[in-house]
Amino acid sequence: MNFAIFGCGSIAKKHAHCIQNHLTDSKITACFDLNIEQAKKFGASIGVTDCYDSIEKMFSEKGDEIDIVNILTPSGVHAENVLSLVQYGKSLVVEKPIALRLSDADNIIKACDKHGVRLFVVHQNRYNPAIIQAHKALEQGRFGKLVMGTIRLRWKRDQAYYDAASWRGTWKHDGGVFTNQASHHIDMLSWFFGEIASVTASATTRLVNIECEDTGAAILKFSNGAMGIIEATTAARPKDLEGSISILGEKGSVVIGGFFMNELLTWQFEDHQPIDDVIFEKYGKNPSEFAFNHGEYLKGVVDSLKNKKAGLVDGIEGRKSLELISAIYESVETGREVPLRFRPQKCRLGE
């Protein structure tokens, strides 16, 4: 599979590393950025000479050598990017979130369906070894009736982080801690607990000067009767603390912590199975290699395309976390419990 890197910012380094080091028989054939000098600089760093600031020129010159385009631009332009690229018929990998507005997400999905384009949204933490095993336990019914799911994101993002890129922390292009940093954890909560009935949320900005929130909390009610708690902040000081998920059921409990749900902390079930004796040894932590789960995610994309099977996170799956995030902001703005499914009225995300 041949990849094009679309957007040569900081996350592009992870994608390039994974394509060049973890994917067999795959390579990067082109780099694109509206800032051509940035595209050339990034291309030089990874050994790619074909760099562009024109989509039309890139596809006229390299179209036959591109199978997948990785869209790694600010969140607020994902929809614009997809709608510009979809006509070329290439598979698209979009970094989280799929978009900032639900209407944009719907337009993305419709456009990809119309043009027969495969769409993948990056939620790489689903490939963390401990997460995979916990989800298998869920599918086997080992948790029994689900009781409560909790995510805790306690990270440090200081003013220098937001000042480094003008789009960060803005409603139009980024959102706050719920949209940017916590979106992977929010995706995980809905993946384990299923359909969400309603959410009540509150948010504030405590330690940085940005448009959006750096701290927030939400209470979820799931359609299956379980409860959910979201605690998210980028105002942890003086350094990052954790990014964790807890899954509590009538017959078992699992807690996965670390920085990005990458370290198993608690694994206990009423029924004993052989895997319980080796779970910490075999699946307790992510391998130490750089961007391991991004690599596993992209392997999943390639496998899905080569074997013509569903991807783990397609457009519909990617939309689910955006809908919850939008409902969280709707609740923050209105001070009310917001039922899902809904059409945003007060949510400022994407403005």
Protein backbone atom coordinates (compact mmCIF):
# COMPACT_ATOMS: atom_id res chain seq x y z
CA MET A 1 0.00 0.00 0.00
CA ASN A 2 1.27 3.47 -0.91
CA PHE A 3 0.44 6.37 1.40
CA ALA A 4 0.25 10.13 0.99
CA ILE A 5 0.75 12.28 4.08
CA PHE A 6 -1.77 15.14 4.02
CA GLY A 7 -0.73 17.72 6.62
CA CYS A 8 2.87 17.74 7.82
CA GLY A 9 2.48 18.80 11.46
CA SER A 10 3.56 17.01 14.63
CA ILE A 11 1.26 13.96 14.35
CA ALA A 12 2.62 13.26 10.86
CA LYS A 13 5.87 12.07 12.44
CA LYS A 14 4.04 9.18 14.11
CA HIS A 15 2.23 8.16 10.97
CA ALA A 16 5.37 8.30 8.85
CA HIS A 17 7.35 6.30 11.39
CA CYS A 18 4.69 3.59 11.51
CA ILE A 19 4.32 3.34 7.74
CA GLN A 20 8.05 3.12 7.20
CA ASN A 21 8.89 0.84 10.13
CA HIS A 22 5.86 -1.31 10.91
CA LEU A 23 4.00 -1.87 7.63
CA THR A 24 5.36 -4.55 5.32
CA ASP A 25 5.60 -3.55 1.65
CA SER A 26 4.17 -0.08 2.30
CA LYS A 27 5.73 3.30 1.61
CA ILE A 28 5.04 7.03 1.52
CA THR A 29 4.97 8.36 -2.02
CA ALA A 30 3.93 11.99 -1.45
CA CYS A 31 3.62 14.70 1.19
CA PHE A 32 1.12 17.56 1.12
CA ASP A 33 0.85 20.75 3.14
CA LEU A 34 -0.54 24.19 2.34
CA ASN A 35 2.86 25.45 3.49
CA ILE A 36 5.07 23.97 0.78
CA GLU A 37 8.25 24.65 2.73
CA GLN A 38 6.90 22.65 5.66
CA ALA A 39 5.97 19.84 3.29
CA LYS A 40 9.47 19.83 1.78
CA LYS A 41 11.14 19.95 5.19
CA PHE A 42 9.04 17.07 6.47
CA GLY A 43 9.51 15.11 3.26
CA ALA A 44 13.28 15.51 3.51
CA SER A 45 13.20 14.19 7.08
CA ILE A 46 11.55 10.94 5.95
CA GLY A 47 13.20 10.55 2.55
CA VAL A 48 10.26 11.65 0.37
CA THR A 49 11.03 14.05 -2.47
CA ASP A 50 7.57 14.51 -3.99
CA CYS A 51 5.97 17.30 -1.94
CA TYR A 52 2.98 19.44 -2.84
CA ASP A 53 0.75 22.35 -1.84
CA SER A 54 -1.74 21.64 -4.64
CA ILE A 55 -4.11 18.66 -4.42
CA GLU A 56 -4.69 18.67 -8.18
CA LYS A 57 -0.98 18.61 -8.96
CA MET A 58 -0.29 15.86 -6.43
CA PHE A 59 -2.88 13.56 -7.97
CA SER A 60 -2.02 14.43 -11.57
CA GLU A 61 1.61 13.51 -10.92
CA LYS A 62 1.35 10.79 -8.25
CA GLY A 63 -2.26 9.59 -8.32
CA ASP A 64 -1.38 6.14 -9.68
CA GLU A 65 1.09 5.71 -6.81
CA ILE A 66 -1.32 6.57 -3.97
CA ASP A 67 -3.66 4.05 -2.34
CA ILE A 68 -4.34 5.75 1.01
CA VAL A 69 -4.30 9.40 2.09
CA ASN A 70 -3.68 10.11 5.78
CA ILE A 71 -5.44 13.36 6.70
CA LEU A 72 -3.43 14.86 9.58
CA THR A 73 -4.65 18.46 9.55
CA PRO A 74 -6.36 20.49 12.30
CA SER A 75 -9.73 19.01 13.26
CA GLY A 76 -11.72 21.98 11.98
CA VAL A 77 -10.70 21.39 8.35
CA HIS A 78 -11.18 17.60 8.20
CA ALA A 79 -14.52 17.94 6.40
CA GLU A 80 -13.13 20.39 3.86
CA ASN A 81 -10.16 18.10 3.26
CA VAL A 82 -12.24 14.95 2.81
CA LEU A 83 -14.63 16.67 0.39
CA SER A 84 -11.64 17.86 -1.65
CA LEU A 85 -10.00 14.42 -1.73
CA VAL A 86 -12.93 12.04 -2.05
CA GLN A 87 -13.29 12.57 -5.81
CA TYR A 88 -9.95 10.84 -6.37
CA GLY A 89 -11.29 7.53 -5.05
CA LYS A 90 -8.48 6.81 -2.59
CA SER A 91 -9.02 5.32 0.87
CA LEU A 92 -8.90 7.96 3.59
CA VAL A 93 -7.46 7.76 7.11
CA VAL A 94 -8.60 10.72 9.22
CA GLU A 95 -7.06 11.59 12.58
CA LYS A 96 -9.53 12.02 15.42
CA PRO A 97 -12.05 13.53 15.63
CA ILE A 98 -13.75 12.83 12.31
CA ALA A 99 -14.88 16.49 12.27
CA LEU A 100 -16.02 19.18 14.69
CA ARG A 101 -19.64 19.45 13.59
CA LEU A 102 -22.05 16.52 13.37
CA SER A 103 -23.34 17.90 10.08
CA ASP A 104 -19.78 17.83 8.72
CA ALA A 105 -19.34 14.24 9.89
CA ASP A 106 -22.55 13.31 8.10
CA ASN A 107 -21.35 15.04 4.92
CA ILE A 108 -18.04 13.18 5.13
CA ILE A 109 -19.76 9.81 5.49
CA LYS A 110 -22.22 10.52 2.68
CA ALA A 111 -19.47 11.71 0.32
CA CYS A 112 -17.35 8.63 0.96
CA ASP A 113 -20.36 6.38 0.38
CA LYS A 114 -21.19 8.19 -2.86
CA HIS A 115 -17.66 7.82 -4.24
CA GLY A 116 -17.08 4.30 -2.91
CA VAL A 117 -14.24 5.49 -0.69
CA ARG A 118 -13.21 3.57 2.43
CA LEU A 119 -13.02 5.85 5.47
CA PHE A 120 -11.05 5.13 8.66
CA VAL A 121 -10.98 7.34 11.79
CA VAL A 122 -7.90 7.05 14.00
CA HIS A 123 -8.69 5.76 17.48
CA GLN A 124 -5.49 3.82 17.97
CA ASN A 125 -5.94 3.06 21.67
CA ARG A 126 -8.41 0.32 20.75
CA TYR A 127 -5.27 -1.59 19.79
CA ASN A 128 -3.61 -1.36 23.22
CA PRO A 129 -3.03 -4.99 24.39
CA ALA A 130 -4.81 -4.52 27.74
CA ILE A 131 -7.75 -2.83 26.01
CA ILE A 132 -8.03 -5.68 23.50
CA GLN A 133 -8.14 -8.28 26.28
CA ALA A 134 -10.69 -6.30 28.30
CA HIS A 135 -12.95 -6.01 25.27
CA LYS A 136 -12.65 -9.75 24.67
CA ALA A 137 -13.74 -10.29 28.27
CA LEU A 138 -16.71 -8.01 27.60
CA GLU A 139 -17.69 -10.00 24.50
CA GLN A 140 -17.43 -13.22 26.52
CA GLY A 141 -19.82 -11.81 29.11
CA ARG A 142 -17.30 -11.94 31.94
CA PHE A 143 -18.36 -8.55 33.34
CA GLY A 144 -22.01 -9.56 33.61
CA LYS A 145 -24.33 -6.59 33.96
CA LEU A 146 -22.31 -3.41 33.42
CA VAL A 147 -22.46 -0.98 36.35
CA MET A 148 -20.17 1.98 35.76
CA GLY A 149 -17.47 3.19 33.41
CA THR A 150 -15.08 5.98 34.34
CA ILE A 151 -12.41 7.77 32.36
CA ARG A 152 -9.85 10.04 33.98
CA LEU A 153 -7.66 12.25 31.84
CA ARG A 154 -5.27 14.34 33.89
CA TRP A 155 -2.70 15.86 31.55
CA LYS A 156 -0.57 18.98 31.44
CA ARG A 157 -0.94 21.37 28.51
CA ASP A 158 0.50 24.77 29.40
CA GLN A 159 0.16 28.10 27.62
CA ALA A 160 3.27 27.43 25.52
CA TYR A 161 1.56 24.35 24.07
CA TYR A 162 -1.46 26.35 22.92
CA ASP A 163 0.65 29.27 21.71
CA ALA A 164 2.72 26.93 19.52
CA ALA A 165 -0.16 26.61 17.03
CA SER A 166 -2.80 29.29 16.57
CA TRP A 167 -5.63 26.78 15.95
CA ARG A 168 -5.21 25.01 19.30
CA GLY A 169 -7.90 25.64 21.86
CA THR A 170 -10.18 27.42 19.38
CA TRP A 171 -13.82 26.54 18.75
CA LYS A 172 -13.40 26.75 15.00
CA HIS A 173 -10.47 24.37 14.59
CA ASP A 174 -9.86 22.37 17.76
CA GLY A 175 -12.18 22.45 20.77
CA GLY A 176 -10.97 21.98 24.32
CA VAL A 177 -9.94 19.03 26.44
CA PHE A 178 -13.12 17.06 25.67
CA THR A 179 -12.58 17.25 21.90
CA ASN A 180 -8.82 17.09 21.55
CA GLN A 181 -7.16 15.24 24.40
CA ALA A 182 -10.08 13.21 25.79
CA SER A 183 -11.65 12.09 22.50
CA HIS A 184 -9.77 8.77 22.55
CA HIS A 185 -10.98 8.05 26.08
CA ILE A 186 -14.53 9.08 25.23
CA ASP A 187 -14.43 6.72 22.24
CA MET A 188 -13.29 3.92 24.53
CA LEU A 189 -16.09 4.50 27.02
CA SER A 190 -18.77 4.23 24.33
CA TRP A 191 -17.01 1.22 22.74
CA PHE A 192 -17.28 -0.71 26.01
CA PHE A 193 -20.64 0.49 27.29
CA GLY A 194 -22.62 0.96 24.09
CA GLU A 195 -25.39 3.37 23.22
CA ILE A 196 -25.65 6.52 25.35
CA ALA A 197 -29.06 7.72 26.49
CA SER A 198 -28.12 11.14 27.90
CA VAL A 199 -25.32 13.29 29.31
CA THR A 200 -25.03 16.11 31.83
CA ALA A 201 -21.81 18.13 31.82
CA SER A 202 -19.98 21.15 33.17
CA ALA A 203 -16.72 22.77 32.07
CA THR A 204 -14.40 25.66 32.84
CA THR A 205 -11.06 27.18 31.83
CA ARG A 206 -8.72 27.41 34.80
CA LEU A 207 -5.04 27.82 33.92
CA VAL A 208 -4.62 28.86 30.27
CA ASN A 209 -5.85 31.61 27.98
CA ILE A 210 -7.86 29.80 25.28
CA GLU A 211 -11.39 30.01 23.90
CA CYS A 212 -12.39 26.52 25.04
CA GLU A 213 -12.29 24.52 28.26
CA ASP A 214 -9.21 23.05 29.89
CA THR A 215 -11.23 21.23 32.58
CA GLY A 216 -14.57 19.44 32.57
CA ALA A 217 -16.71 16.65 33.96
CA ALA A 218 -19.70 14.73 32.66
CA ILE A 219 -22.20 12.14 33.88
CA LEU A 220 -23.51 9.66 31.33
CA LYS A 221 -26.53 7.38 31.33
CA PHE A 222 -26.20 4.40 29.00
CA SER A 223 -29.16 2.74 27.34
CA ASN A 224 -28.30 -0.53 29.13
CA GLY A 225 -28.73 1.20 32.52
CA ALA A 226 -25.06 1.62 33.36
CA MET A 227 -23.59 4.95 34.44
CA GLY A 228 -20.55 6.74 33.10
CA ILE A 229 -18.20 9.37 34.48
CA ILE A 230 -15.84 11.56 32.44
CA GLU A 231 -13.19 13.57 34.27
CA ALA A 232 -10.91 15.49 31.92
CA THR A 233 -8.36 18.25 32.40
CA THR A 234 -5.21 19.60 30.79
CA ALA A 235 -4.60 21.69 33.91
CA ALA A 236 -2.69 19.00 35.82
CA ARG A 237 0.51 20.50 37.21
CA PRO A 238 3.44 20.25 37.24
CA LYS A 239 3.27 17.25 34.87
CA ASP A 240 0.95 14.63 33.38
CA LEU A 241 -0.70 12.23 35.80
CA GLU A 242 -2.85 9.66 33.97
CA GLY A 243 -5.18 8.70 31.18
CA SER A 244 -7.26 5.78 32.46
CA ILE A 245 -10.48 3.82 32.11
CA SER A 246 -12.33 1.75 34.71
CA ILE A 247 -14.91 -0.87 33.71
CA LEU A 248 -17.06 -2.17 36.56
CA GLY A 249 -19.59 -4.99 36.25
CA GLU A 250 -21.49 -7.35 38.51
CA LYS A 251 -18.96 -10.15 37.91
CA GLY A 252 -15.70 -8.33 37.33
CA SER A 253 -13.66 -5.14 37.30
CA VAL A 254 -10.84 -3.89 35.10
CA VAL A 255 -8.81 -0.69 35.43
CA ILE A 256 -6.40 0.32 32.69
CA GLY A 257 -4.21 3.33 33.41
CA GLY A 258 -0.88 4.73 32.31
CA PHE A 259 -0.69 7.84 30.15
CA PHE A 260 -3.08 6.66 27.41
CA MET A 261 -4.86 3.55 28.75
CA ASN A 262 -1.72 1.53 28.09
CA GLU A 263 -1.03 -0.11 31.47
CA LEU A 264 -3.21 -2.73 33.16
CA LEU A 265 -3.74 -1.94 36.85
CA THR A 266 -6.66 -4.16 37.94
CA TRP A 267 -7.96 -7.41 36.45
CA GLN A 268 -10.38 -9.40 38.60
CA PHE A 269 -13.32 -11.63 37.71
CA GLU A 270 -15.50 -14.06 39.62
CA ASP A 271 -14.90 -16.83 37.10
CA HIS A 272 -11.26 -17.89 36.71
CA GLN A 273 -9.85 -18.48 33.24
CA PRO A 274 -6.30 -19.47 32.19
CA ILE A 275 -5.63 -16.03 30.74
CA ASP A 276 -6.02 -14.52 34.21
CA ASP A 277 -2.74 -16.14 35.30
CA VAL A 278 -0.71 -14.50 32.53
CA ILE A 279 -2.67 -11.34 31.79
CA PHE A 280 -0.22 -8.92 33.44
CA GLU A 281 2.84 -10.67 32.03
CA LYS A 282 1.58 -10.91 28.44
CA TYR A 283 -0.74 -7.93 28.09
CA GLY A 284 0.00 -5.67 31.05
CA LYS A 285 1.72 -2.90 29.08
CA ASN A 286 2.11 -1.65 25.55
CA PRO A 287 5.44 -2.55 23.95
CA SER A 288 7.96 0.25 24.42
CA GLU A 289 8.42 0.93 20.70
CA PHE A 290 7.51 4.41 19.47
CA ALA A 291 3.88 4.88 18.33
CA PHE A 292 3.14 1.16 18.76
CA ASN A 293 -0.65 1.50 18.73
CA HIS A 294 -0.63 3.84 15.74
CA GLY A 295 1.32 1.15 13.92
CA GLU A 296 -1.20 -1.50 14.91
CA TYR A 297 -4.05 0.74 13.81
CA LEU A 298 -2.52 1.30 10.36
CA LYS A 299 -1.84 -2.44 10.05
CA GLY A 300 -5.55 -2.90 10.66
CA VAL A 301 -6.35 -0.41 7.89
CA VAL A 302 -4.12 -2.23 5.39
CA ASP A 303 -5.54 -5.62 6.42
CA SER A 304 -9.08 -4.30 6.02
CA LEU A 305 -8.37 -3.03 2.51
CA LYS A 306 -6.41 -6.07 1.32
CA ASN A 307 -8.95 -8.56 2.67
CA LYS A 308 -12.04 -6.45 1.96
CA LYS A 309 -13.39 -6.51 5.50
CA ALA A 310 -14.75 -3.90 7.87
CA GLY A 311 -12.36 -1.56 9.65
CA LEU A 312 -12.40 -1.37 13.44
CA VAL A 313 -13.20 2.37 13.36
CA ASP A 314 -15.04 3.51 10.24
CA GLY A 315 -16.95 6.74 9.71
CA ILE A 316 -20.01 5.59 11.64
CA GLU A 317 -17.88 4.55 14.62
CA GLY A 318 -15.94 7.81 14.46
CA ARG A 319 -19.20 9.78 14.46
CA LYS A 320 -20.33 8.20 17.75
CA SER A 321 -17.67 9.88 19.87
CA LEU A 322 -18.24 13.22 18.11
CA GLU A 323 -21.97 13.00 18.88
CA LEU A 324 -21.23 12.47 22.56
CA ILE A 325 -18.71 15.32 22.61
CA SER A 326 -21.26 17.59 20.92
CA ALA A 327 -23.88 16.61 23.50
CA ILE A 328 -21.39 17.36 26.29
CA TYR A 329 -20.92 20.90 24.95
CA GLU A 330 -24.68 21.28 24.48
CA SER A 331 -25.13 20.43 28.16
CA VAL A 332 -22.34 22.81 29.20
CA GLU A 333 -24.02 25.67 27.32
CA THR A 334 -27.60 24.93 28.42
CA GLY A 335 -27.00 23.58 31.94
CA ARG A 336 -29.41 20.74 31.16
CA GLU A 337 -29.32 17.00 30.66
CA VAL A 338 -29.07 16.34 26.93
CA PRO A 339 -30.59 13.22 25.39
CA LEU A 340 -28.89 11.51 22.48
CA ARG A 341 -29.78 11.39 19.54
CA PHE A 342 -30.03 15.12 19.09
CA ARG A 343 -29.35 18.02 16.75
CA PRO A 344 -26.94 20.58 18.24
CA GLN A 345 -28.41 24.02 18.95
CA LYS A 346 -26.04 25.67 21.45
CA CYS A 347 -22.87 23.60 20.96
CA ARG A 348 -20.09 26.00 19.86
CA LEU A 349 -17.80 23.36 18.43
CA GLY A 350 -16.82 24.19 14.86
CA GLU A 351 -17.97 27.83 15.03
